[in-house]
Amino acid sequence: MEKTIRSEESKRKIISRLNRINGQINGIKNMIEEDRYCNDVLIQMRAVINSLKNLSNDILEEHLRHCLLNKIKKGDLSVIDEIDEILKREI
């Protein structure tokens, strides 16, 4: 299994964003338990989806600029298939 070595600062930022997303999800759970209006719940759900999408895009950019670029520099062109597979999935 391959690994991506991230700086402590990068890990801290990603984990902080994930913690905020987790807080948003817990907020939605509370809204359901409190019988909040569907529209309000849906707005919060869209916020979570957007937060995850933004984080996903940032990690994808990091992957392209570092992981894949390093492999290409080493002559490993199998990364073309790897990125093709990523892009075929809905991100």
PDB file of N, CA and C in Angstrom:
ATOM      1  N   MET A   1       0.848  -1.172   0.000  1.00  0.00           N
ATOM      2  CA  MET A   1       0.000   0.000   0.000  1.00  0.00           C
ATOM      3  C   MET A   1       0.898   1.242   0.000  1.00  0.00           C
ATOM      4  N   GLU A   2       0.598   2.145  -0.918  1.00  0.00           N
ATOM      5  CA  GLU A   2       1.371   3.378  -1.001  1.00  0.00           C
ATOM      6  C   GLU A   2       0.950   4.345   0.097  1.00  0.00           C
ATOM      7  N   LYS A   3       1.868   5.232   0.423  1.00  0.00           N
ATOM      8  CA  LYS A   3       1.588   6.244   1.440  1.00  0.00           C
ATOM      9  C   LYS A   3       1.947   7.610   0.894  1.00  0.00           C
ATOM     10  N   THR A   4       1.292   8.626   1.434  1.00  0.00           N
ATOM     11  CA  THR A   4       1.641  10.005   1.158  1.00  0.00           C
ATOM     12  C   THR A   4       2.163  10.599   2.455  1.00  0.00           C
ATOM     13  N   ILE A   5       3.412  11.014   2.417  1.00  0.00           N
ATOM     14  CA  ILE A   5       4.002  11.632   3.600  1.00  0.00           C
ATOM     15  C   ILE A   5       3.684  13.129   3.546  1.00  0.00           C
ATOM     16  N   ARG A   6       2.935  13.586   4.528  1.00  0.00           N
ATOM     17  CA  ARG A   6       2.550  15.000   4.614  1.00  0.00           C
ATOM     18  C   ARG A   6       3.286  15.646   5.781  1.00  0.00           C
ATOM     19  N   SER A   7       3.498  16.944   5.658  1.00  0.00           N
ATOM     20  CA  SER A   7       4.103  17.677   6.765  1.00  0.00           C
ATOM     21  C   SER A   7       3.111  17.707   7.931  1.00  0.00           C
ATOM     22  N   GLU A   8       3.621  17.957   9.098  1.00  0.00           N
ATOM     23  CA  GLU A   8       2.747  18.063  10.274  1.00  0.00           C
ATOM     24  C   GLU A   8       1.761  19.210  10.099  1.00  0.00           C
ATOM     25  N   GLU A   9       2.200  20.299   9.475  1.00  0.00           N
ATOM     26  CA  GLU A   9       1.324  21.449   9.227  1.00  0.00           C
ATOM     27  C   GLU A   9       0.182  21.063   8.287  1.00  0.00           C
ATOM     28  N   SER A  10       0.513  20.330   7.224  1.00  0.00           N
ATOM     29  CA  SER A  10      -0.508  19.891   6.271  1.00  0.00           C
ATOM     30  C   SER A  10      -1.512  18.966   6.942  1.00  0.00           C
ATOM     31  N   LYS A  11      -1.018  18.020   7.724  1.00  0.00           N
ATOM     32  CA  LYS A  11      -1.911  17.108   8.451  1.00  0.00           C
ATOM     33  C   LYS A  11      -2.820  17.885   9.395  1.00  0.00           C
ATOM     34  N   ARG A  12      -2.239  18.855  10.099  1.00  0.00           N
ATOM     35  CA  ARG A  12      -3.008  19.648  11.061  1.00  0.00           C
ATOM     36  C   ARG A  12      -4.142  20.383  10.359  1.00  0.00           C
ATOM     37  N   LYS A  13      -3.853  20.979   9.193  1.00  0.00           N
ATOM     38  CA  LYS A  13      -4.877  21.717   8.457  1.00  0.00           C
ATOM     39  C   LYS A  13      -5.987  20.790   7.965  1.00  0.00           C
ATOM     40  N   ILE A  14      -5.603  19.636   7.420  1.00  0.00           N
ATOM     41  CA  ILE A  14      -6.605  18.687   6.913  1.00  0.00           C
ATOM     42  C   ILE A  14      -7.467  18.168   8.057  1.00  0.00           C
ATOM     43  N   ILE A  15      -6.839  17.797   9.154  1.00  0.00           N
ATOM     44  CA  ILE A  15      -7.589  17.276  10.306  1.00  0.00           C
ATOM     45  C   ILE A  15      -8.498  18.344  10.880  1.00  0.00           C
ATOM     46  N   SER A  16      -8.047  19.586  10.913  1.00  0.00           N
ATOM     47  CA  SER A  16      -8.884  20.681  11.394  1.00  0.00           C
ATOM     48  C   SER A  16     -10.128  20.823  10.524  1.00  0.00           C
ATOM     49  N   ARG A  17      -9.950  20.751   9.215  1.00  0.00           N
ATOM     50  CA  ARG A  17     -11.100  20.848   8.310  1.00  0.00           C
ATOM     51  C   ARG A  17     -12.038  19.661   8.501  1.00  0.00           C
ATOM     52  N   LEU A  18     -11.476  18.470   8.659  1.00  0.00           N
ATOM     53  CA  LEU A  18     -12.306  17.283   8.886  1.00  0.00           C
ATOM     54  C   LEU A  18     -13.073  17.390  10.207  1.00  0.00           C
ATOM     55  N   ASN A  19     -12.440  17.955  11.216  1.00  0.00           N
ATOM     56  CA  ASN A  19     -13.128  18.151  12.499  1.00  0.00           C
ATOM     57  C   ASN A  19     -14.296  19.117  12.355  1.00  0.00           C
ATOM     58  N   ARG A  20     -14.111  20.180  11.555  1.00  0.00           N
ATOM     59  CA  ARG A  20     -15.218  21.112  11.317  1.00  0.00           C
ATOM     60  C   ARG A  20     -16.353  20.416  10.581  1.00  0.00           C
ATOM     61  N   ILE A  21     -15.998  19.607   9.579  1.00  0.00           N
ATOM     62  CA  ILE A  21     -17.018  18.864   8.827  1.00  0.00           C
ATOM     63  C   ILE A  21     -17.758  17.907   9.761  1.00  0.00           C
ATOM     64  N   ASN A  22     -17.014  17.247  10.630  1.00  0.00           N
ATOM     65  CA  ASN A  22     -17.625  16.347  11.603  1.00  0.00           C
ATOM     66  C   ASN A  22     -18.592  17.118  12.512  1.00  0.00           C
ATOM     67  N   GLY A  23     -18.205  18.321  12.898  1.00  0.00           N
ATOM     68  CA  GLY A  23     -19.094  19.160  13.710  1.00  0.00           C
ATOM     69  C   GLY A  23     -20.364  19.526  12.950  1.00  0.00           C
ATOM     70  N   GLN A  24     -20.217  19.813  11.651  1.00  0.00           N
ATOM     71  CA  GLN A  24     -21.391  20.120  10.833  1.00  0.00           C
ATOM     72  C   GLN A  24     -22.325  18.906  10.773  1.00  0.00           C
ATOM     73  N   ILE A  25     -21.752  17.728  10.609  1.00  0.00           N
ATOM     74  CA  ILE A  25     -22.567  16.505  10.535  1.00  0.00           C
ATOM     75  C   ILE A  25     -23.281  16.269  11.857  1.00  0.00           C
ATOM     76  N   ASN A  26     -22.585  16.472  12.962  1.00  0.00           N
ATOM     77  CA  ASN A  26     -23.238  16.322  14.266  1.00  0.00           C
ATOM     78  C   ASN A  26     -24.352  17.346  14.439  1.00  0.00           C
ATOM     79  N   GLY A  27     -24.144  18.552  13.890  1.00  0.00           N
ATOM     80  CA  GLY A  27     -25.189  19.572  13.930  1.00  0.00           C
ATOM     81  C   GLY A  27     -26.425  19.129  13.169  1.00  0.00           C
ATOM     82  N   ILE A  28     -26.217  18.496  12.019  1.00  0.00           N
ATOM     83  CA  ILE A  28     -27.348  17.980  11.233  1.00  0.00           C
ATOM     84  C   ILE A  28     -28.075  16.893  12.016  1.00  0.00           C
ATOM     85  N   LYS A  29     -27.324  16.028  12.656  1.00  0.00           N
ATOM     86  CA  LYS A  29     -27.938  14.975  13.487  1.00  0.00           C
ATOM     87  C   LYS A  29     -28.818  15.601  14.568  1.00  0.00           C
ATOM     88  N   ASN A  30     -28.304  16.638  15.208  1.00  0.00           N
ATOM     89  CA  ASN A  30     -29.091  17.330  16.239  1.00  0.00           C
ATOM     90  C   ASN A  30     -30.339  17.966  15.650  1.00  0.00           C
ATOM     91  N   MET A  31     -30.208  18.525  14.454  1.00  0.00           N
ATOM     92  CA  MET A  31     -31.363  19.138  13.801  1.00  0.00           C
ATOM     93  C   MET A  31     -32.460  18.099  13.563  1.00  0.00           C
ATOM     94  N   ILE A  32     -32.073  16.911  13.159  1.00  0.00           N
ATOM     95  CA  ILE A  32     -33.047  15.831  12.932  1.00  0.00           C
ATOM     96  C   ILE A  32     -33.708  15.449  14.253  1.00  0.00           C
ATOM     97  N   GLU A  33     -32.884  15.311  15.295  1.00  0.00           N
ATOM     98  CA  GLU A  33     -33.427  14.944  16.606  1.00  0.00           C
ATOM     99  C   GLU A  33     -34.386  16.008  17.124  1.00  0.00           C
ATOM    100  N   GLU A  34     -34.172  17.271  16.732  1.00  0.00           N
ATOM    101  CA  GLU A  34     -35.011  18.382  17.182  1.00  0.00           C
ATOM    102  C   GLU A  34     -36.163  18.668  16.219  1.00  0.00           C
ATOM    103  N   ASP A  35     -36.343  17.791  15.220  1.00  0.00           N
ATOM    104  CA  ASP A  35     -37.419  17.951  14.236  1.00  0.00           C
ATOM    105  C   ASP A  35     -37.372  19.295  13.511  1.00  0.00           C
ATOM    106  N   ARG A  36     -36.169  19.729  13.183  1.00  0.00           N
ATOM    107  CA  ARG A  36     -36.017  20.995  12.460  1.00  0.00           C
ATOM    108  C   ARG A  36     -36.593  20.884  11.061  1.00  0.00           C
ATOM    109  N   TYR A  37     -36.960  21.995  10.499  1.00  0.00           N
ATOM    110  CA  TYR A  37     -37.573  22.110   9.186  1.00  0.00           C
ATOM    111  C   TYR A  37     -36.636  21.538   8.111  1.00  0.00           C
ATOM    112  N   CYS A  38     -37.219  20.761   7.190  1.00  0.00           N
ATOM    113  CA  CYS A  38     -36.434  20.087   6.142  1.00  0.00           C
ATOM    114  C   CYS A  38     -35.518  21.036   5.396  1.00  0.00           C
ATOM    115  N   ASN A  39     -36.015  22.204   5.048  1.00  0.00           N
ATOM    116  CA  ASN A  39     -35.219  23.165   4.286  1.00  0.00           C
ATOM    117  C   ASN A  39     -33.946  23.540   5.039  1.00  0.00           C
ATOM    118  N   ASP A  40     -34.067  23.754   6.351  1.00  0.00           N
ATOM    119  CA  ASP A  40     -32.897  24.092   7.168  1.00  0.00           C
ATOM    120  C   ASP A  40     -31.883  22.955   7.187  1.00  0.00           C
ATOM    121  N   VAL A  41     -32.386  21.728   7.293  1.00  0.00           N
ATOM    122  CA  VAL A  41     -31.507  20.550   7.297  1.00  0.00           C
ATOM    123  C   VAL A  41     -30.797  20.431   5.950  1.00  0.00           C
ATOM    124  N   LEU A  42     -31.551  20.603   4.869  1.00  0.00           N
ATOM    125  CA  LEU A  42     -30.967  20.490   3.537  1.00  0.00           C
ATOM    126  C   LEU A  42     -29.896  21.543   3.294  1.00  0.00           C
ATOM    127  N   ILE A  43     -30.106  22.740   3.786  1.00  0.00           N
ATOM    128  CA  ILE A  43     -29.093  23.795   3.648  1.00  0.00           C
ATOM    129  C   ILE A  43     -27.804  23.380   4.344  1.00  0.00           C
ATOM    130  N   GLN A  44     -27.933  22.834   5.539  1.00  0.00           N
ATOM    131  CA  GLN A  44     -26.745  22.389   6.271  1.00  0.00           C
ATOM    132  C   GLN A  44     -26.072  21.203   5.582  1.00  0.00           C
ATOM    133  N   MET A  45     -26.869  20.326   4.997  1.00  0.00           N
ATOM    134  CA  MET A  45     -26.302  19.177   4.280  1.00  0.00           C
ATOM    135  C   MET A  45     -25.510  19.656   3.063  1.00  0.00           C
ATOM    136  N   ARG A  46     -26.030  20.651   2.344  1.00  0.00           N
ATOM    137  CA  ARG A  46     -25.293  21.213   1.201  1.00  0.00           C
ATOM    138  C   ARG A  46     -23.982  21.818   1.658  1.00  0.00           C
ATOM    139  N   ALA A  47     -23.981  22.448   2.827  1.00  0.00           N
ATOM    140  CA  ALA A  47     -22.749  23.034   3.362  1.00  0.00           C
ATOM    141  C   ALA A  47     -21.704  21.945   3.611  1.00  0.00           C
ATOM    142  N   VAL A  48     -22.139  20.800   4.144  1.00  0.00           N
ATOM    143  CA  VAL A  48     -21.227  19.682   4.390  1.00  0.00           C
ATOM    144  C   VAL A  48     -20.685  19.143   3.063  1.00  0.00           C
ATOM    145  N   ILE A  49     -21.575  18.968   2.100  1.00  0.00           N
ATOM    146  CA  ILE A  49     -21.158  18.464   0.786  1.00  0.00           C
ATOM    147  C   ILE A  49     -20.129  19.405   0.165  1.00  0.00           C
ATOM    148  N   ASN A  50     -20.378  20.705   0.245  1.00  0.00           N
ATOM    149  CA  ASN A  50     -19.435  21.674  -0.309  1.00  0.00           C
ATOM    150  C   ASN A  50     -18.102  21.656   0.431  1.00  0.00           C
ATOM    151  N   SER A  51     -18.148  21.513   1.742  1.00  0.00           N
ATOM    152  CA  SER A  51     -16.916  21.438   2.530  1.00  0.00           C
ATOM    153  C   SER A  51     -16.088  20.218   2.134  1.00  0.00           C
ATOM    154  N   LEU A  52     -16.753  19.078   1.987  1.00  0.00           N
ATOM    155  CA  LEU A  52     -16.059  17.859   1.575  1.00  0.00           C
ATOM    156  C   LEU A  52     -15.504  17.984   0.159  1.00  0.00           C
ATOM    157  N   LYS A  53     -16.271  18.599  -0.714  1.00  0.00           N
ATOM    158  CA  LYS A  53     -15.829  18.770  -2.098  1.00  0.00           C
ATOM    159  C   LYS A  53     -14.594  19.668  -2.153  1.00  0.00           C
ATOM    160  N   ASN A  54     -14.612  20.752  -1.400  1.00  0.00           N
ATOM    161  CA  ASN A  54     -13.460  21.649  -1.370  1.00  0.00           C
ATOM    162  C   ASN A  54     -12.214  20.954  -0.827  1.00  0.00           C
ATOM    163  N   LEU A  55     -12.381  20.181   0.230  1.00  0.00           N
ATOM    164  CA  LEU A  55     -11.254  19.444   0.787  1.00  0.00           C
ATOM    165  C   LEU A  55     -10.761  18.402  -0.213  1.00  0.00           C
ATOM    166  N   SER A  56     -11.677  17.714  -0.852  1.00  0.00           N
ATOM    167  CA  SER A  56     -11.322  16.727  -1.871  1.00  0.00           C
ATOM    168  C   SER A  56     -10.524  17.369  -3.004  1.00  0.00           C
ATOM    169  N   ASN A  57     -10.965  18.530  -3.455  1.00  0.00           N
ATOM    170  CA  ASN A  57     -10.251  19.239  -4.521  1.00  0.00           C
ATOM    171  C   ASN A  57      -8.848  19.640  -4.084  1.00  0.00           C
ATOM    172  N   ASP A  58      -8.706  20.082  -2.855  1.00  0.00           N
ATOM    173  CA  ASP A  58      -7.389  20.461  -2.348  1.00  0.00           C
ATOM    174  C   ASP A  58      -6.452  19.248  -2.277  1.00  0.00           C
ATOM    175  N   ILE A  59      -6.971  18.122  -1.823  1.00  0.00           N
ATOM    176  CA  ILE A  59      -6.143  16.907  -1.745  1.00  0.00           C
ATOM    177  C   ILE A  59      -5.811  16.408  -3.145  1.00  0.00           C
ATOM    178  N   LEU A  60      -6.759  16.506  -4.072  1.00  0.00           N
ATOM    179  CA  LEU A  60      -6.483  16.122  -5.456  1.00  0.00           C
ATOM    180  C   LEU A  60      -5.381  16.994  -6.049  1.00  0.00           C
ATOM    181  N   GLU A  61      -5.450  18.291  -5.804  1.00  0.00           N
ATOM    182  CA  GLU A  61      -4.413  19.195  -6.309  1.00  0.00           C
ATOM    183  C   GLU A  61      -3.044  18.824  -5.740  1.00  0.00           C
ATOM    184  N   GLU A  62      -3.006  18.537  -4.435  1.00  0.00           N
ATOM    185  CA  GLU A  62      -1.758  18.109  -3.800  1.00  0.00           C
ATOM    186  C   GLU A  62      -1.250  16.821  -4.448  1.00  0.00           C
ATOM    187  N   HIS A  63      -2.157  15.909  -4.716  1.00  0.00           N
ATOM    188  CA  HIS A  63      -1.800  14.628  -5.332  1.00  0.00           C
ATOM    189  C   HIS A  63      -1.195  14.852  -6.717  1.00  0.00           C
ATOM    190  N   LEU A  64      -1.816  15.724  -7.506  1.00  0.00           N
ATOM    191  CA  LEU A  64      -1.313  16.006  -8.849  1.00  0.00           C
ATOM    192  C   LEU A  64       0.055  16.681  -8.801  1.00  0.00           C
ATOM    193  N   ARG A  65       0.198  17.668  -7.936  1.00  0.00           N
ATOM    194  CA  ARG A  65       1.420  18.467  -7.896  1.00  0.00           C
ATOM    195  C   ARG A  65       2.599  17.750  -7.262  1.00  0.00           C
ATOM    196  N   HIS A  66       2.331  16.801  -6.393  1.00  0.00           N
ATOM    197  CA  HIS A  66       3.430  16.165  -5.674  1.00  0.00           C
ATOM    198  C   HIS A  66       3.557  14.680  -6.002  1.00  0.00           C
ATOM    199  N   CYS A  67       2.564  13.916  -5.643  1.00  0.00           N
ATOM    200  CA  CYS A  67       2.641  12.460  -5.801  1.00  0.00           C
ATOM    201  C   CYS A  67       2.825  12.058  -7.264  1.00  0.00           C
ATOM    202  N   LEU A  68       1.915  12.521  -8.105  1.00  0.00           N
ATOM    203  CA  LEU A  68       1.963  12.110  -9.506  1.00  0.00           C
ATOM    204  C   LEU A  68       3.155  12.716 -10.231  1.00  0.00           C
ATOM    205  N   LEU A  69       3.455  13.964  -9.950  1.00  0.00           N
ATOM    206  CA  LEU A  69       4.589  14.611 -10.592  1.00  0.00           C
ATOM    207  C   LEU A  69       5.891  13.890 -10.260  1.00  0.00           C
ATOM    208  N   ASN A  70       6.053  13.491  -9.006  1.00  0.00           N
ATOM    209  CA  ASN A  70       7.260  12.757  -8.612  1.00  0.00           C
ATOM    210  C   ASN A  70       7.369  11.421  -9.349  1.00  0.00           C
ATOM    211  N   LYS A  71       6.248  10.733  -9.508  1.00  0.00           N
ATOM    212  CA  LYS A  71       6.272   9.455 -10.232  1.00  0.00           C
ATOM    213  C   LYS A  71       6.627   9.666 -11.706  1.00  0.00           C
ATOM    214  N   ILE A  72       6.061  10.699 -12.310  1.00  0.00           N
ATOM    215  CA  ILE A  72       6.353  10.980 -13.720  1.00  0.00           C
ATOM    216  C   ILE A  72       7.836  11.308 -13.892  1.00  0.00           C
ATOM    217  N   LYS A  73       8.385  12.093 -12.971  1.00  0.00           N
ATOM    218  CA  LYS A  73       9.810  12.430 -13.035  1.00  0.00           C
ATOM    219  C   LYS A  73      10.683  11.180 -12.966  1.00  0.00           C
ATOM    220  N   LYS A  74      10.197  10.150 -12.274  1.00  0.00           N
ATOM    221  CA  LYS A  74      10.929   8.888 -12.158  1.00  0.00           C
ATOM    222  C   LYS A  74      10.640   7.956 -13.329  1.00  0.00           C
ATOM    223  N   GLY A  75       9.806   8.420 -14.276  1.00  0.00           N
ATOM    224  CA  GLY A  75       9.494   7.624 -15.455  1.00  0.00           C
ATOM    225  C   GLY A  75       8.334   6.670 -15.285  1.00  0.00           C
ATOM    226  N   ASP A  76       7.634   6.755 -14.176  1.00  0.00           N
ATOM    227  CA  ASP A  76       6.491   5.873 -13.924  1.00  0.00           C
ATOM    228  C   ASP A  76       5.240   6.484 -14.541  1.00  0.00           C
ATOM    229  N   LEU A  77       4.890   6.023 -15.730  1.00  0.00           N
ATOM    230  CA  LEU A  77       3.730   6.572 -16.433  1.00  0.00           C
ATOM    231  C   LEU A  77       2.427   5.858 -16.075  1.00  0.00           C
ATOM    232  N   SER A  78       2.487   4.895 -15.164  1.00  0.00           N
ATOM    233  CA  SER A  78       1.258   4.230 -14.716  1.00  0.00           C
ATOM    234  C   SER A  78       0.344   5.215 -14.000  1.00  0.00           C
ATOM    235  N   VAL A  79       0.884   6.357 -13.623  1.00  0.00           N
ATOM    236  CA  VAL A  79       0.076   7.372 -12.936  1.00  0.00           C
ATOM    237  C   VAL A  79      -1.001   7.928 -13.857  1.00  0.00           C
ATOM    238  N   ILE A  80      -0.798   7.798 -15.154  1.00  0.00           N
ATOM    239  CA  ILE A  80      -1.828   8.253 -16.093  1.00  0.00           C
ATOM    240  C   ILE A  80      -3.105   7.444 -15.873  1.00  0.00           C
ATOM    241  N   ASP A  81      -2.972   6.140 -15.708  1.00  0.00           N
ATOM    242  CA  ASP A  81      -4.132   5.298 -15.412  1.00  0.00           C
ATOM    243  C   ASP A  81      -4.721   5.652 -14.050  1.00  0.00           C
ATOM    244  N   GLU A  82      -3.847   5.950 -13.104  1.00  0.00           N
ATOM    245  CA  GLU A  82      -4.298   6.302 -11.752  1.00  0.00           C
ATOM    246  C   GLU A  82      -5.157   7.562 -11.782  1.00  0.00           C
ATOM    247  N   ILE A  83      -4.680   8.597 -12.443  1.00  0.00           N
ATOM    248  CA  ILE A  83      -5.443   9.848 -12.483  1.00  0.00           C
ATOM    249  C   ILE A  83      -6.698   9.689 -13.320  1.00  0.00           C
ATOM    250  N   ASP A  84      -6.627   8.864 -14.361  1.00  0.00           N
ATOM    251  CA  ASP A  84      -7.814   8.587 -15.172  1.00  0.00           C
ATOM    252  C   ASP A  84      -8.904   7.956 -14.304  1.00  0.00           C
ATOM    253  N   GLU A  85      -8.522   7.023 -13.454  1.00  0.00           N
ATOM    254  CA  GLU A  85      -9.484   6.368 -12.568  1.00  0.00           C
ATOM    255  C   GLU A  85     -10.081   7.360 -11.558  1.00  0.00           C
ATOM    256  N   ILE A  86      -9.248   8.239 -11.033  1.00  0.00           N
ATOM    257  CA  ILE A  86      -9.743   9.255 -10.093  1.00  0.00           C
ATOM    258  C   ILE A  86     -10.756  10.168 -10.766  1.00  0.00           C
ATOM    259  N   LEU A  87     -10.428  10.609 -11.979  1.00  0.00           N
ATOM    260  CA  LEU A  87     -11.302  11.550 -12.667  1.00  0.00           C
ATOM    261  C   LEU A  87     -12.606  10.928 -13.140  1.00  0.00           C
ATOM    262  N   LYS A  88     -12.627   9.622 -13.315  1.00  0.00           N
ATOM    263  CA  LYS A  88     -13.867   8.941 -13.717  1.00  0.00           C
ATOM    264  C   LYS A  88     -14.857   8.843 -12.563  1.00  0.00           C
ATOM    265  N   ARG A  89     -14.364   8.962 -11.350  1.00  0.00           N
ATOM    266  CA  ARG A  89     -15.236   8.907 -10.177  1.00  0.00           C
ATOM    267  C   ARG A  89     -15.763  10.297  -9.896  1.00  0.00           C
ATOM    268  N   GLU A  90     -16.930  10.372  -9.337  1.00  0.00           N
ATOM    269  CA  GLU A  90     -17.473  11.676  -8.980  1.00  0.00           C
ATOM    270  C   GLU A  90     -16.767  12.174  -7.741  1.00  0.00           C
ATOM    271  N   ILE A  91     -16.165  13.322  -7.868  1.00  0.00           N
ATOM    272  CA  ILE A  91     -15.431  13.906  -6.732  1.00  0.00           C
ATOM    273  C   ILE A  91     -16.184  15.114  -6.253  1.00  0.00           C
TER     274      ILE A  91
END
